[in-house]
Amino acid sequence: MRSWEAALPAGAAPFVQRVVPDGCADLMWLDGGLVVAGPDTGPMPSLMRPGARVGGVRFGPGAASAVLGVPADALRDARVPLRELWGAEADRLAERVAGAADRRIALVTAVAARVRPVDPLDAAVVAGLARGTVRQVADEVGLSERQLRRRSLAAFGYGPKTLQRVLRFQRALGLARAGVPLADVAYRAGYADQAHLANEVRALGGAPIRALL
């Protein structure tokens, strides 16, 4: 879990932030309430208004379900008020965060008590998908491919194939941000070629990689 915060100055023009898939889920302070952003399968535009302040905590792949109390696929591509998951407890938490001198710290403190380590099997799935096929990963962790898919949906919000695409996409973005030439990015991230990279980035990010950067 890690925290984040963003703001847009009062005199600025409205700004649309493109949120791209990363396998994570967020619990955010947004428009005066607490909202859960589930794992995405494509680009999600998020409007920042002048004077707005937004913050939250981000759960890495496989970490959100234990905290939020629902399978990750129930939140896929969704923005859900926390009240729908936690009921009156969410209202009490929203009041505490709203009245805090530092909302980010208040939210982190409240959520930290619920955080549990990622299941070692789920961590092994993430590591395995970075280097092998779904069938190979299933064999490594001792599950059938059908069992692996069910477990992946609940833990990550995606089936293993989609999770693999998302993780590879994020590796590619990281390499490109570090200045690696795109032909080398494609090879090092695990794409068949640069055209494959370009097609996947457009599919998951909604824009060419240079526009995303």
N, C-alpha and C. Protein backbone atom coordinates (compact mmCIF):
# COMPACT_ATOMS: atom_id res chain seq x y z
N MET A 1 0.84 -1.19 0.00
CA MET A 1 0.00 0.00 0.00
C MET A 1 0.88 1.24 0.00
N ARG A 2 0.53 2.20 -0.83
CA ARG A 2 1.24 3.48 -0.80
C ARG A 2 0.22 4.60 -0.99
N SER A 3 0.55 5.76 -0.46
CA SER A 3 -0.38 6.88 -0.53
C SER A 3 0.02 7.84 -1.65
N TRP A 4 -0.94 8.64 -2.08
CA TRP A 4 -0.68 9.63 -3.12
C TRP A 4 -1.64 10.80 -2.92
N GLU A 5 -1.30 11.91 -3.53
CA GLU A 5 -2.13 13.11 -3.45
C GLU A 5 -1.89 13.95 -4.69
N ALA A 6 -2.93 14.62 -5.16
CA ALA A 6 -2.83 15.49 -6.33
C ALA A 6 -3.71 16.70 -6.13
N ALA A 7 -3.33 17.81 -6.73
CA ALA A 7 -4.10 19.04 -6.60
C ALA A 7 -3.99 19.85 -7.89
N LEU A 8 -5.00 20.66 -8.15
CA LEU A 8 -4.99 21.57 -9.30
C LEU A 8 -5.23 22.97 -8.76
N PRO A 9 -4.32 23.91 -9.00
CA PRO A 9 -4.48 25.27 -8.47
C PRO A 9 -5.81 25.89 -8.88
N ALA A 10 -6.30 26.79 -8.04
CA ALA A 10 -7.61 27.39 -8.26
C ALA A 10 -7.69 28.13 -9.59
N GLY A 11 -6.58 28.73 -10.04
CA GLY A 11 -6.62 29.50 -11.28
C GLY A 11 -6.35 28.71 -12.52
N ALA A 12 -6.13 27.40 -12.40
CA ALA A 12 -5.79 26.57 -13.55
C ALA A 12 -7.03 26.19 -14.35
N ALA A 13 -6.79 25.73 -15.57
CA ALA A 13 -7.89 25.22 -16.38
C ALA A 13 -8.20 23.79 -15.96
N PRO A 14 -9.44 23.34 -16.13
CA PRO A 14 -9.76 21.93 -15.84
C PRO A 14 -8.81 21.01 -16.61
N PHE A 15 -8.49 19.88 -16.00
CA PHE A 15 -7.49 18.97 -16.56
C PHE A 15 -8.03 17.55 -16.51
N VAL A 16 -7.91 16.85 -17.63
CA VAL A 16 -8.35 15.45 -17.68
C VAL A 16 -7.12 14.57 -17.58
N GLN A 17 -7.04 13.82 -16.49
CA GLN A 17 -5.95 12.87 -16.27
C GLN A 17 -6.35 11.51 -16.86
N ARG A 18 -5.49 10.97 -17.70
CA ARG A 18 -5.74 9.64 -18.25
C ARG A 18 -5.18 8.60 -17.28
N VAL A 19 -6.05 7.82 -16.67
CA VAL A 19 -5.62 6.76 -15.76
C VAL A 19 -5.55 5.46 -16.56
N VAL A 20 -4.39 4.82 -16.57
CA VAL A 20 -4.21 3.62 -17.39
C VAL A 20 -4.08 2.39 -16.50
N PRO A 21 -4.38 1.21 -17.01
CA PRO A 21 -4.36 -0.01 -16.19
C PRO A 21 -2.98 -0.28 -15.60
N ASP A 22 -2.98 -0.66 -14.30
CA ASP A 22 -1.72 -1.03 -13.65
C ASP A 22 -1.89 -2.22 -12.70
N GLY A 23 -3.07 -2.81 -12.69
CA GLY A 23 -3.32 -3.94 -11.80
C GLY A 23 -3.65 -3.55 -10.38
N CYS A 24 -3.68 -2.25 -10.10
CA CYS A 24 -3.90 -1.77 -8.73
C CYS A 24 -5.35 -1.34 -8.52
N ALA A 25 -5.70 -1.14 -7.27
CA ALA A 25 -6.98 -0.54 -6.89
C ALA A 25 -6.69 0.59 -5.91
N ASP A 26 -7.55 1.60 -5.89
CA ASP A 26 -7.35 2.77 -5.04
C ASP A 26 -8.56 3.03 -4.17
N LEU A 27 -8.30 3.49 -2.96
CA LEU A 27 -9.34 4.07 -2.11
C LEU A 27 -9.05 5.55 -2.03
N MET A 28 -9.97 6.39 -2.55
CA MET A 28 -9.68 7.80 -2.76
C MET A 28 -10.64 8.70 -1.98
N TRP A 29 -10.09 9.84 -1.57
CA TRP A 29 -10.93 10.95 -1.11
C TRP A 29 -11.24 11.78 -2.35
N LEU A 30 -12.52 11.84 -2.73
CA LEU A 30 -12.90 12.44 -4.00
C LEU A 30 -14.24 13.13 -3.86
N ASP A 31 -14.29 14.43 -4.19
CA ASP A 31 -15.55 15.19 -4.15
C ASP A 31 -16.27 15.06 -2.82
N GLY A 32 -15.49 15.10 -1.72
CA GLY A 32 -16.10 15.10 -0.41
C GLY A 32 -16.49 13.74 0.12
N GLY A 33 -16.13 12.66 -0.58
CA GLY A 33 -16.47 11.33 -0.11
C GLY A 33 -15.36 10.34 -0.45
N LEU A 34 -15.54 9.12 0.01
CA LEU A 34 -14.56 8.07 -0.23
C LEU A 34 -15.07 7.15 -1.34
N VAL A 35 -14.20 6.94 -2.32
CA VAL A 35 -14.56 6.17 -3.51
C VAL A 35 -13.49 5.13 -3.78
N VAL A 36 -13.92 3.94 -4.17
CA VAL A 36 -13.00 2.88 -4.56
C VAL A 36 -12.89 2.86 -6.09
N ALA A 37 -11.67 2.88 -6.57
CA ALA A 37 -11.41 2.71 -8.01
C ALA A 37 -10.83 1.32 -8.21
N GLY A 38 -11.57 0.48 -8.89
CA GLY A 38 -11.13 -0.90 -9.08
C GLY A 38 -10.06 -1.03 -10.15
N PRO A 39 -9.54 -2.22 -10.35
CA PRO A 39 -8.54 -2.44 -11.41
C PRO A 39 -9.17 -2.21 -12.78
N ASP A 40 -8.47 -1.48 -13.61
CA ASP A 40 -8.99 -1.10 -14.93
C ASP A 40 -8.46 -2.01 -16.02
N THR A 41 -9.25 -2.13 -17.09
CA THR A 41 -8.81 -2.87 -18.27
C THR A 41 -8.52 -1.96 -19.45
N GLY A 42 -8.76 -0.68 -19.29
CA GLY A 42 -8.50 0.29 -20.34
C GLY A 42 -8.36 1.67 -19.74
N PRO A 43 -8.11 2.68 -20.57
CA PRO A 43 -7.92 4.03 -20.06
C PRO A 43 -9.20 4.60 -19.46
N MET A 44 -9.06 5.27 -18.31
CA MET A 44 -10.21 5.87 -17.63
C MET A 44 -9.92 7.36 -17.44
N PRO A 45 -10.62 8.26 -18.14
CA PRO A 45 -10.39 9.68 -17.95
C PRO A 45 -10.92 10.15 -16.60
N SER A 46 -10.14 11.00 -15.94
CA SER A 46 -10.53 11.53 -14.63
C SER A 46 -10.39 13.04 -14.66
N LEU A 47 -11.49 13.75 -14.47
CA LEU A 47 -11.49 15.21 -14.55
C LEU A 47 -11.02 15.82 -13.24
N MET A 48 -10.01 16.68 -13.33
CA MET A 48 -9.55 17.47 -12.19
C MET A 48 -10.05 18.90 -12.39
N ARG A 49 -10.81 19.38 -11.40
CA ARG A 49 -11.35 20.74 -11.49
C ARG A 49 -10.43 21.72 -10.76
N PRO A 50 -10.43 22.99 -11.18
CA PRO A 50 -9.59 23.99 -10.50
C PRO A 50 -9.89 24.03 -9.00
N GLY A 51 -8.83 24.02 -8.20
CA GLY A 51 -8.98 24.04 -6.75
C GLY A 51 -9.20 22.68 -6.12
N ALA A 52 -9.30 21.65 -6.94
CA ALA A 52 -9.58 20.31 -6.40
C ALA A 52 -8.33 19.71 -5.76
N ARG A 53 -8.55 18.95 -4.69
CA ARG A 53 -7.50 18.15 -4.07
C ARG A 53 -8.01 16.73 -3.95
N VAL A 54 -7.24 15.81 -4.43
CA VAL A 54 -7.61 14.40 -4.43
C VAL A 54 -6.46 13.62 -3.81
N GLY A 55 -6.77 12.63 -3.01
CA GLY A 55 -5.74 11.79 -2.44
C GLY A 55 -6.26 10.39 -2.20
N GLY A 56 -5.37 9.48 -1.92
CA GLY A 56 -5.82 8.12 -1.67
C GLY A 56 -4.70 7.19 -1.30
N VAL A 57 -5.08 5.93 -1.18
CA VAL A 57 -4.11 4.86 -0.97
C VAL A 57 -4.26 3.88 -2.12
N ARG A 58 -3.14 3.38 -2.59
CA ARG A 58 -3.13 2.45 -3.72
C ARG A 58 -2.67 1.08 -3.25
N PHE A 59 -3.46 0.08 -3.62
CA PHE A 59 -3.15 -1.29 -3.28
C PHE A 59 -2.56 -1.99 -4.50
N GLY A 60 -1.41 -2.61 -4.32
CA GLY A 60 -0.78 -3.32 -5.42
C GLY A 60 -1.59 -4.54 -5.83
N PRO A 61 -1.22 -5.18 -6.95
CA PRO A 61 -1.97 -6.35 -7.43
C PRO A 61 -2.13 -7.42 -6.36
N GLY A 62 -3.37 -7.80 -6.12
CA GLY A 62 -3.68 -8.84 -5.16
C GLY A 62 -3.90 -8.37 -3.74
N ALA A 63 -3.71 -7.07 -3.46
CA ALA A 63 -3.76 -6.59 -2.08
C ALA A 63 -5.09 -5.97 -1.67
N ALA A 64 -5.96 -5.64 -2.62
CA ALA A 64 -7.15 -4.86 -2.29
C ALA A 64 -8.27 -5.67 -1.67
N SER A 65 -8.44 -6.91 -2.10
CA SER A 65 -9.62 -7.68 -1.69
C SER A 65 -9.72 -7.84 -0.18
N ALA A 66 -8.60 -8.15 0.47
CA ALA A 66 -8.63 -8.36 1.92
C ALA A 66 -9.02 -7.09 2.66
N VAL A 67 -8.63 -5.94 2.13
CA VAL A 67 -8.95 -4.67 2.78
C VAL A 67 -10.39 -4.26 2.52
N LEU A 68 -10.82 -4.38 1.28
CA LEU A 68 -12.13 -3.87 0.90
C LEU A 68 -13.26 -4.85 1.17
N GLY A 69 -12.92 -6.14 1.29
CA GLY A 69 -13.92 -7.13 1.65
C GLY A 69 -14.73 -7.68 0.50
N VAL A 70 -14.29 -7.45 -0.73
CA VAL A 70 -15.00 -7.99 -1.90
C VAL A 70 -13.96 -8.52 -2.89
N PRO A 71 -14.32 -9.49 -3.74
CA PRO A 71 -13.40 -9.94 -4.78
C PRO A 71 -13.05 -8.79 -5.72
N ALA A 72 -11.82 -8.78 -6.20
CA ALA A 72 -11.37 -7.67 -7.03
C ALA A 72 -12.16 -7.55 -8.33
N ASP A 73 -12.66 -8.67 -8.87
CA ASP A 73 -13.40 -8.57 -10.14
C ASP A 73 -14.76 -7.90 -9.95
N ALA A 74 -15.25 -7.79 -8.71
CA ALA A 74 -16.49 -7.05 -8.47
C ALA A 74 -16.28 -5.55 -8.65
N LEU A 75 -15.02 -5.11 -8.67
CA LEU A 75 -14.70 -3.68 -8.79
C LEU A 75 -14.05 -3.33 -10.12
N ARG A 76 -13.90 -4.31 -10.99
CA ARG A 76 -13.18 -4.07 -12.25
C ARG A 76 -13.85 -2.98 -13.08
N ASP A 77 -13.04 -2.02 -13.53
CA ASP A 77 -13.50 -0.91 -14.37
C ASP A 77 -14.60 -0.10 -13.70
N ALA A 78 -14.61 -0.07 -12.37
CA ALA A 78 -15.69 0.61 -11.64
C ALA A 78 -15.14 1.67 -10.70
N ARG A 79 -15.98 2.65 -10.39
CA ARG A 79 -15.74 3.63 -9.35
C ARG A 79 -16.93 3.54 -8.41
N VAL A 80 -16.69 3.03 -7.20
CA VAL A 80 -17.77 2.65 -6.30
C VAL A 80 -17.64 3.42 -4.99
N PRO A 81 -18.70 4.10 -4.51
CA PRO A 81 -18.64 4.72 -3.19
C PRO A 81 -18.32 3.68 -2.13
N LEU A 82 -17.40 4.00 -1.23
CA LEU A 82 -17.01 3.04 -0.20
C LEU A 82 -18.22 2.63 0.65
N ARG A 83 -19.20 3.50 0.75
CA ARG A 83 -20.38 3.17 1.56
C ARG A 83 -21.08 1.91 1.06
N GLU A 84 -21.01 1.65 -0.26
CA GLU A 84 -21.65 0.45 -0.79
C GLU A 84 -20.96 -0.82 -0.31
N LEU A 85 -19.72 -0.69 0.13
CA LEU A 85 -18.97 -1.85 0.61
C LEU A 85 -18.95 -1.94 2.13
N TRP A 86 -18.81 -0.80 2.80
CA TRP A 86 -18.62 -0.79 4.25
C TRP A 86 -19.79 -0.21 5.02
N GLY A 87 -20.80 0.30 4.35
CA GLY A 87 -21.96 0.83 5.04
C GLY A 87 -21.62 2.02 5.94
N ALA A 88 -22.19 2.02 7.15
CA ALA A 88 -22.02 3.15 8.06
C ALA A 88 -20.57 3.37 8.46
N GLU A 89 -19.77 2.31 8.46
CA GLU A 89 -18.36 2.47 8.78
C GLU A 89 -17.67 3.41 7.79
N ALA A 90 -18.07 3.35 6.54
CA ALA A 90 -17.50 4.24 5.53
C ALA A 90 -17.88 5.69 5.81
N ASP A 91 -19.12 5.92 6.27
CA ASP A 91 -19.54 7.28 6.60
C ASP A 91 -18.72 7.84 7.76
N ARG A 92 -18.47 6.99 8.77
CA ARG A 92 -17.67 7.46 9.91
C ARG A 92 -16.23 7.76 9.48
N LEU A 93 -15.70 6.92 8.62
CA LEU A 93 -14.34 7.16 8.14
C LEU A 93 -14.28 8.44 7.31
N ALA A 94 -15.27 8.66 6.46
CA ALA A 94 -15.30 9.87 5.65
C ALA A 94 -15.34 11.12 6.53
N GLU A 95 -16.08 11.07 7.62
CA GLU A 95 -16.14 12.21 8.54
C GLU A 95 -14.78 12.46 9.19
N ARG A 96 -14.10 11.38 9.60
CA ARG A 96 -12.78 11.54 10.21
C ARG A 96 -11.79 12.12 9.22
N VAL A 97 -11.82 11.63 8.01
CA VAL A 97 -10.88 12.13 7.00
C VAL A 97 -11.18 13.59 6.67
N ALA A 98 -12.46 13.93 6.54
CA ALA A 98 -12.84 15.31 6.21
C ALA A 98 -12.39 16.29 7.28
N GLY A 99 -12.40 15.87 8.53
CA GLY A 99 -12.03 16.77 9.62
C GLY A 99 -10.57 16.76 9.98
N ALA A 100 -9.77 15.96 9.29
CA ALA A 100 -8.35 15.82 9.62
C ALA A 100 -7.52 16.96 9.03
N ALA A 101 -6.46 17.32 9.74
CA ALA A 101 -5.55 18.34 9.22
C ALA A 101 -4.85 17.83 7.96
N ASP A 102 -4.55 16.55 7.91
CA ASP A 102 -3.93 15.94 6.74
C ASP A 102 -4.77 14.73 6.35
N ARG A 103 -5.58 14.89 5.31
CA ARG A 103 -6.51 13.82 4.93
C ARG A 103 -5.77 12.56 4.49
N ARG A 104 -4.67 12.74 3.82
CA ARG A 104 -3.92 11.57 3.33
C ARG A 104 -3.46 10.71 4.50
N ILE A 105 -2.87 11.35 5.51
CA ILE A 105 -2.39 10.60 6.67
C ILE A 105 -3.56 9.95 7.41
N ALA A 106 -4.67 10.66 7.54
CA ALA A 106 -5.84 10.10 8.22
C ALA A 106 -6.35 8.85 7.52
N LEU A 107 -6.38 8.90 6.19
CA LEU A 107 -6.86 7.75 5.43
C LEU A 107 -5.90 6.58 5.53
N VAL A 108 -4.61 6.86 5.41
CA VAL A 108 -3.60 5.80 5.51
C VAL A 108 -3.68 5.13 6.88
N THR A 109 -3.79 5.92 7.93
CA THR A 109 -3.85 5.38 9.29
C THR A 109 -5.06 4.48 9.48
N ALA A 110 -6.19 4.90 8.95
CA ALA A 110 -7.42 4.12 9.11
C ALA A 110 -7.37 2.81 8.34
N VAL A 111 -6.77 2.84 7.16
CA VAL A 111 -6.75 1.66 6.31
C VAL A 111 -5.66 0.68 6.72
N ALA A 112 -4.58 1.20 7.29
CA ALA A 112 -3.42 0.35 7.59
C ALA A 112 -3.78 -0.83 8.48
N ALA A 113 -4.73 -0.64 9.39
CA ALA A 113 -5.11 -1.72 10.30
C ALA A 113 -5.74 -2.89 9.57
N ARG A 114 -6.27 -2.65 8.38
CA ARG A 114 -6.93 -3.71 7.61
C ARG A 114 -5.99 -4.41 6.63
N VAL A 115 -4.82 -3.84 6.40
CA VAL A 115 -3.92 -4.38 5.38
C VAL A 115 -3.36 -5.73 5.81
N ARG A 116 -3.35 -6.67 4.88
CA ARG A 116 -2.76 -7.99 5.10
C ARG A 116 -1.72 -8.25 4.02
N PRO A 117 -0.68 -9.02 4.31
CA PRO A 117 0.31 -9.34 3.28
C PRO A 117 -0.37 -10.05 2.10
N VAL A 118 0.14 -9.80 0.91
CA VAL A 118 -0.37 -10.50 -0.26
C VAL A 118 -0.09 -11.99 -0.11
N ASP A 119 -1.08 -12.80 -0.42
CA ASP A 119 -0.92 -14.25 -0.35
C ASP A 119 0.31 -14.67 -1.17
N PRO A 120 1.19 -15.50 -0.61
CA PRO A 120 2.39 -15.91 -1.35
C PRO A 120 2.06 -16.55 -2.70
N LEU A 121 0.94 -17.25 -2.79
CA LEU A 121 0.58 -17.85 -4.07
C LEU A 121 0.25 -16.76 -5.10
N ASP A 122 -0.46 -15.72 -4.65
CA ASP A 122 -0.77 -14.62 -5.57
C ASP A 122 0.50 -13.90 -6.00
N ALA A 123 1.43 -13.72 -5.07
CA ALA A 123 2.71 -13.10 -5.43
C ALA A 123 3.46 -13.96 -6.43
N ALA A 124 3.37 -15.30 -6.28
CA ALA A 124 4.03 -16.20 -7.22
C ALA A 124 3.39 -16.12 -8.60
N VAL A 125 2.09 -15.90 -8.65
CA VAL A 125 1.41 -15.75 -9.94
C VAL A 125 1.91 -14.50 -10.66
N VAL A 126 2.00 -13.38 -9.93
CA VAL A 126 2.49 -12.14 -10.54
C VAL A 126 3.91 -12.33 -11.06
N ALA A 127 4.78 -12.93 -10.24
CA ALA A 127 6.17 -13.14 -10.66
C ALA A 127 6.24 -14.08 -11.84
N GLY A 128 5.42 -15.14 -11.83
CA GLY A 128 5.48 -16.11 -12.91
C GLY A 128 4.99 -15.55 -14.23
N LEU A 129 3.95 -14.72 -14.19
CA LEU A 129 3.42 -14.16 -15.43
C LEU A 129 4.39 -13.17 -16.07
N ALA A 130 5.36 -12.70 -15.31
CA ALA A 130 6.36 -11.79 -15.88
C ALA A 130 7.37 -12.54 -16.75
N ARG A 131 7.40 -13.86 -16.63
CA ARG A 131 8.44 -14.60 -17.38
C ARG A 131 7.93 -15.81 -18.14
N GLY A 132 6.68 -16.25 -17.89
CA GLY A 132 6.22 -17.47 -18.52
C GLY A 132 4.78 -17.40 -18.98
N THR A 133 4.30 -18.51 -19.54
CA THR A 133 2.93 -18.58 -20.03
C THR A 133 1.98 -18.89 -18.88
N VAL A 134 0.69 -18.74 -19.16
CA VAL A 134 -0.31 -19.04 -18.15
C VAL A 134 -0.23 -20.51 -17.76
N ARG A 135 -0.05 -21.38 -18.73
CA ARG A 135 0.04 -22.81 -18.41
C ARG A 135 1.25 -23.09 -17.53
N GLN A 136 2.38 -22.47 -17.85
CA GLN A 136 3.57 -22.67 -17.03
C GLN A 136 3.35 -22.19 -15.59
N VAL A 137 2.70 -21.04 -15.45
CA VAL A 137 2.44 -20.50 -14.11
C VAL A 137 1.50 -21.41 -13.34
N ALA A 138 0.45 -21.89 -14.01
CA ALA A 138 -0.47 -22.82 -13.34
C ALA A 138 0.26 -24.04 -12.82
N ASP A 139 1.17 -24.58 -13.64
CA ASP A 139 1.94 -25.75 -13.21
C ASP A 139 2.84 -25.41 -12.02
N GLU A 140 3.45 -24.22 -12.07
CA GLU A 140 4.38 -23.82 -11.01
C GLU A 140 3.68 -23.68 -9.66
N VAL A 141 2.46 -23.16 -9.67
CA VAL A 141 1.76 -22.92 -8.40
C VAL A 141 0.83 -24.07 -8.01
N GLY A 142 0.77 -25.11 -8.84
CA GLY A 142 -0.01 -26.29 -8.50
C GLY A 142 -1.50 -26.16 -8.68
N LEU A 143 -1.93 -25.36 -9.68
CA LEU A 143 -3.34 -25.20 -9.97
C LEU A 143 -3.62 -25.58 -11.41
N SER A 144 -4.87 -25.97 -11.69
CA SER A 144 -5.27 -26.11 -13.08
C SER A 144 -5.44 -24.71 -13.67
N GLU A 145 -5.49 -24.61 -14.98
CA GLU A 145 -5.68 -23.29 -15.60
C GLU A 145 -7.03 -22.69 -15.21
N ARG A 146 -8.04 -23.53 -15.05
CA ARG A 146 -9.36 -23.03 -14.64
C ARG A 146 -9.29 -22.50 -13.20
N GLN A 147 -8.63 -23.24 -12.32
CA GLN A 147 -8.48 -22.78 -10.93
C GLN A 147 -7.68 -21.49 -10.88
N LEU A 148 -6.63 -21.39 -11.69
CA LEU A 148 -5.82 -20.18 -11.73
C LEU A 148 -6.65 -18.99 -12.18
N ARG A 149 -7.51 -19.20 -13.16
CA ARG A 149 -8.34 -18.10 -13.63
C ARG A 149 -9.30 -17.63 -12.53
N ARG A 150 -9.95 -18.58 -11.84
CA ARG A 150 -10.87 -18.18 -10.77
C ARG A 150 -10.13 -17.41 -9.67
N ARG A 151 -8.98 -17.92 -9.30
CA ARG A 151 -8.22 -17.25 -8.24
C ARG A 151 -7.76 -15.87 -8.71
N SER A 152 -7.33 -15.76 -9.95
CA SER A 152 -6.84 -14.48 -10.47
C SER A 152 -7.95 -13.44 -10.52
N LEU A 153 -9.13 -13.85 -10.94
CA LEU A 153 -10.25 -12.91 -10.98
C LEU A 153 -10.54 -12.35 -9.60
N ALA A 154 -10.57 -13.22 -8.60
CA ALA A 154 -10.89 -12.76 -7.24
C ALA A 154 -9.78 -11.90 -6.65
N ALA A 155 -8.53 -12.26 -6.92
CA ALA A 155 -7.40 -11.55 -6.30
C ALA A 155 -7.02 -10.28 -7.05
N PHE A 156 -7.03 -10.34 -8.38
CA PHE A 156 -6.51 -9.23 -9.18
C PHE A 156 -7.57 -8.47 -9.97
N GLY A 157 -8.75 -9.08 -10.12
CA GLY A 157 -9.78 -8.45 -10.95
C GLY A 157 -9.71 -8.85 -12.39
N TYR A 158 -8.67 -9.54 -12.78
CA TYR A 158 -8.46 -9.98 -14.16
C TYR A 158 -8.20 -11.49 -14.19
N GLY A 159 -8.47 -12.11 -15.35
CA GLY A 159 -7.93 -13.42 -15.60
C GLY A 159 -6.43 -13.30 -15.81
N PRO A 160 -5.69 -14.42 -15.75
CA PRO A 160 -4.23 -14.34 -15.85
C PRO A 160 -3.73 -13.76 -17.15
N LYS A 161 -4.42 -14.01 -18.26
CA LYS A 161 -3.98 -13.45 -19.54
C LYS A 161 -4.03 -11.93 -19.51
N THR A 162 -5.14 -11.38 -19.01
CA THR A 162 -5.27 -9.92 -18.94
C THR A 162 -4.28 -9.35 -17.95
N LEU A 163 -4.12 -10.00 -16.80
CA LEU A 163 -3.13 -9.53 -15.83
C LEU A 163 -1.75 -9.50 -16.45
N GLN A 164 -1.40 -10.52 -17.21
CA GLN A 164 -0.09 -10.55 -17.87
C GLN A 164 0.07 -9.38 -18.84
N ARG A 165 -0.98 -9.07 -19.60
CA ARG A 165 -0.93 -7.94 -20.53
C ARG A 165 -0.72 -6.62 -19.79
N VAL A 166 -1.46 -6.45 -18.68
CA VAL A 166 -1.36 -5.21 -17.90
C VAL A 166 0.03 -5.05 -17.31
N LEU A 167 0.57 -6.11 -16.73
CA LEU A 167 1.90 -6.04 -16.13
C LEU A 167 2.97 -5.76 -17.19
N ARG A 168 2.83 -6.38 -18.34
CA ARG A 168 3.79 -6.15 -19.43
C ARG A 168 3.70 -4.71 -19.93
N PHE A 169 2.49 -4.19 -20.04
CA PHE A 169 2.26 -2.80 -20.44
C PHE A 169 2.96 -1.84 -19.47
N GLN A 170 2.82 -2.11 -18.17
CA GLN A 170 3.47 -1.25 -17.19
C GLN A 170 5.00 -1.36 -17.25
N ARG A 171 5.51 -2.57 -17.51
CA ARG A 171 6.96 -2.70 -17.69
C ARG A 171 7.43 -1.86 -18.86
N ALA A 172 6.67 -1.90 -19.95
CA ALA A 172 7.04 -1.13 -21.14
C ALA A 172 7.06 0.37 -20.86
N LEU A 173 6.03 0.86 -20.15
CA LEU A 173 6.00 2.28 -19.81
C LEU A 173 7.19 2.67 -18.95
N GLY A 174 7.52 1.82 -17.98
CA GLY A 174 8.66 2.11 -17.12
C GLY A 174 9.97 2.19 -17.89
N LEU A 175 10.16 1.26 -18.81
CA LEU A 175 11.38 1.28 -19.63
C LEU A 175 11.42 2.51 -20.52
N ALA A 176 10.27 2.83 -21.14
CA ALA A 176 10.23 3.99 -22.03
C ALA A 176 10.48 5.28 -21.27
N ARG A 177 9.92 5.40 -20.06
CA ARG A 177 10.16 6.60 -19.25
C ARG A 177 11.64 6.73 -18.89
N ALA A 178 12.32 5.60 -18.76
CA ALA A 178 13.74 5.62 -18.42
C ALA A 178 14.62 5.93 -19.63
N GLY A 179 14.01 6.14 -20.79
CA GLY A 179 14.78 6.53 -21.97
C GLY A 179 15.22 5.38 -22.86
N VAL A 180 14.74 4.18 -22.60
CA VAL A 180 15.11 3.02 -23.43
C VAL A 180 14.46 3.18 -24.81
N PRO A 181 15.19 2.99 -25.91
CA PRO A 181 14.60 3.07 -27.25
C PRO A 181 13.43 2.09 -27.38
N LEU A 182 12.41 2.48 -28.16
CA LEU A 182 11.19 1.68 -28.21
C LEU A 182 11.42 0.28 -28.76
N ALA A 183 12.33 0.12 -29.69
CA ALA A 183 12.62 -1.23 -30.19
C ALA A 183 13.15 -2.11 -29.07
N ASP A 184 13.99 -1.54 -28.21
CA ASP A 184 14.51 -2.29 -27.07
C ASP A 184 13.43 -2.49 -26.01
N VAL A 185 12.54 -1.50 -25.86
CA VAL A 185 11.43 -1.64 -24.91
C VAL A 185 10.60 -2.87 -25.27
N ALA A 186 10.28 -3.00 -26.56
CA ALA A 186 9.46 -4.12 -27.01
C ALA A 186 10.12 -5.45 -26.65
N TYR A 187 11.40 -5.57 -26.92
CA TYR A 187 12.12 -6.82 -26.64
C TYR A 187 12.20 -7.09 -25.14
N ARG A 188 12.59 -6.08 -24.38
CA ARG A 188 12.82 -6.29 -22.95
C ARG A 188 11.52 -6.48 -22.17
N ALA A 189 10.44 -5.90 -22.65
CA ALA A 189 9.15 -6.06 -21.95
C ALA A 189 8.45 -7.35 -22.32
N GLY A 190 8.89 -8.00 -23.42
CA GLY A 190 8.31 -9.29 -23.78
C GLY A 190 7.32 -9.27 -24.92
N TYR A 191 7.35 -8.21 -25.74
CA TYR A 191 6.48 -8.16 -26.91
C TYR A 191 7.16 -8.85 -28.10
N ALA A 192 6.33 -9.29 -29.05
CA ALA A 192 6.88 -9.98 -30.23
C ALA A 192 7.74 -9.04 -31.06
N ASP A 193 7.31 -7.78 -31.17
CA ASP A 193 8.06 -6.79 -31.94
C ASP A 193 7.50 -5.41 -31.59
N GLN A 194 8.02 -4.37 -32.24
CA GLN A 194 7.60 -3.01 -31.90
C GLN A 194 6.14 -2.76 -32.30
N ALA A 195 5.68 -3.40 -33.37
CA ALA A 195 4.28 -3.24 -33.77
C ALA A 195 3.35 -3.84 -32.72
N HIS A 196 3.75 -4.98 -32.16
CA HIS A 196 2.96 -5.60 -31.08
C HIS A 196 2.89 -4.66 -29.88
N LEU A 197 4.01 -4.06 -29.53
CA LEU A 197 4.05 -3.07 -28.45
C LEU A 197 3.08 -1.93 -28.73
N ALA A 198 3.14 -1.38 -29.94
CA ALA A 198 2.30 -0.23 -30.29
C ALA A 198 0.82 -0.59 -30.19
N ASN A 199 0.45 -1.77 -30.67
CA ASN A 199 -0.96 -2.18 -30.64
C ASN A 199 -1.46 -2.37 -29.21
N GLU A 200 -0.62 -2.98 -28.36
CA GLU A 200 -1.03 -3.22 -26.98
C GLU A 200 -1.12 -1.92 -26.19
N VAL A 201 -0.20 -1.00 -26.43
CA VAL A 201 -0.25 0.28 -25.73
C VAL A 201 -1.51 1.05 -26.11
N ARG A 202 -1.86 1.04 -27.39
CA ARG A 202 -3.10 1.71 -27.81
C ARG A 202 -4.32 1.04 -27.18
N ALA A 203 -4.31 -0.29 -27.12
CA ALA A 203 -5.47 -1.01 -26.57
C ALA A 203 -5.65 -0.74 -25.08
N LEU A 204 -4.55 -0.72 -24.33
CA LEU A 204 -4.64 -0.56 -22.88
C LEU A 204 -4.57 0.89 -22.43
N GLY A 205 -3.81 1.71 -23.17
CA GLY A 205 -3.62 3.09 -22.76
C GLY A 205 -4.42 4.10 -23.54
N GLY A 206 -4.98 3.70 -24.68
CA GLY A 206 -5.83 4.59 -25.46
C GLY A 206 -5.09 5.63 -26.26
N ALA A 207 -3.76 5.52 -26.35
CA ALA A 207 -2.97 6.50 -27.09
C ALA A 207 -1.61 5.88 -27.41
N PRO A 208 -0.89 6.43 -28.39
CA PRO A 208 0.46 5.94 -28.67
C PRO A 208 1.35 6.15 -27.44
N ILE A 209 2.40 5.35 -27.35
CA ILE A 209 3.23 5.39 -26.16
C ILE A 209 3.88 6.75 -25.95
N ARG A 210 4.27 7.43 -27.01
CA ARG A 210 4.91 8.75 -26.84
C ARG A 210 3.90 9.76 -26.30
N ALA A 211 2.64 9.64 -26.68
CA ALA A 211 1.61 10.54 -26.13
C ALA A 211 1.41 10.27 -24.64
N LEU A 212 1.43 8.98 -24.25
CA LEU A 212 1.28 8.66 -22.84
C LEU A 212 2.45 9.21 -22.02
N LEU A 213 3.65 9.08 -22.57
CA LEU A 213 4.81 9.58 -21.84
C LEU A 213 4.75 11.08 -21.69
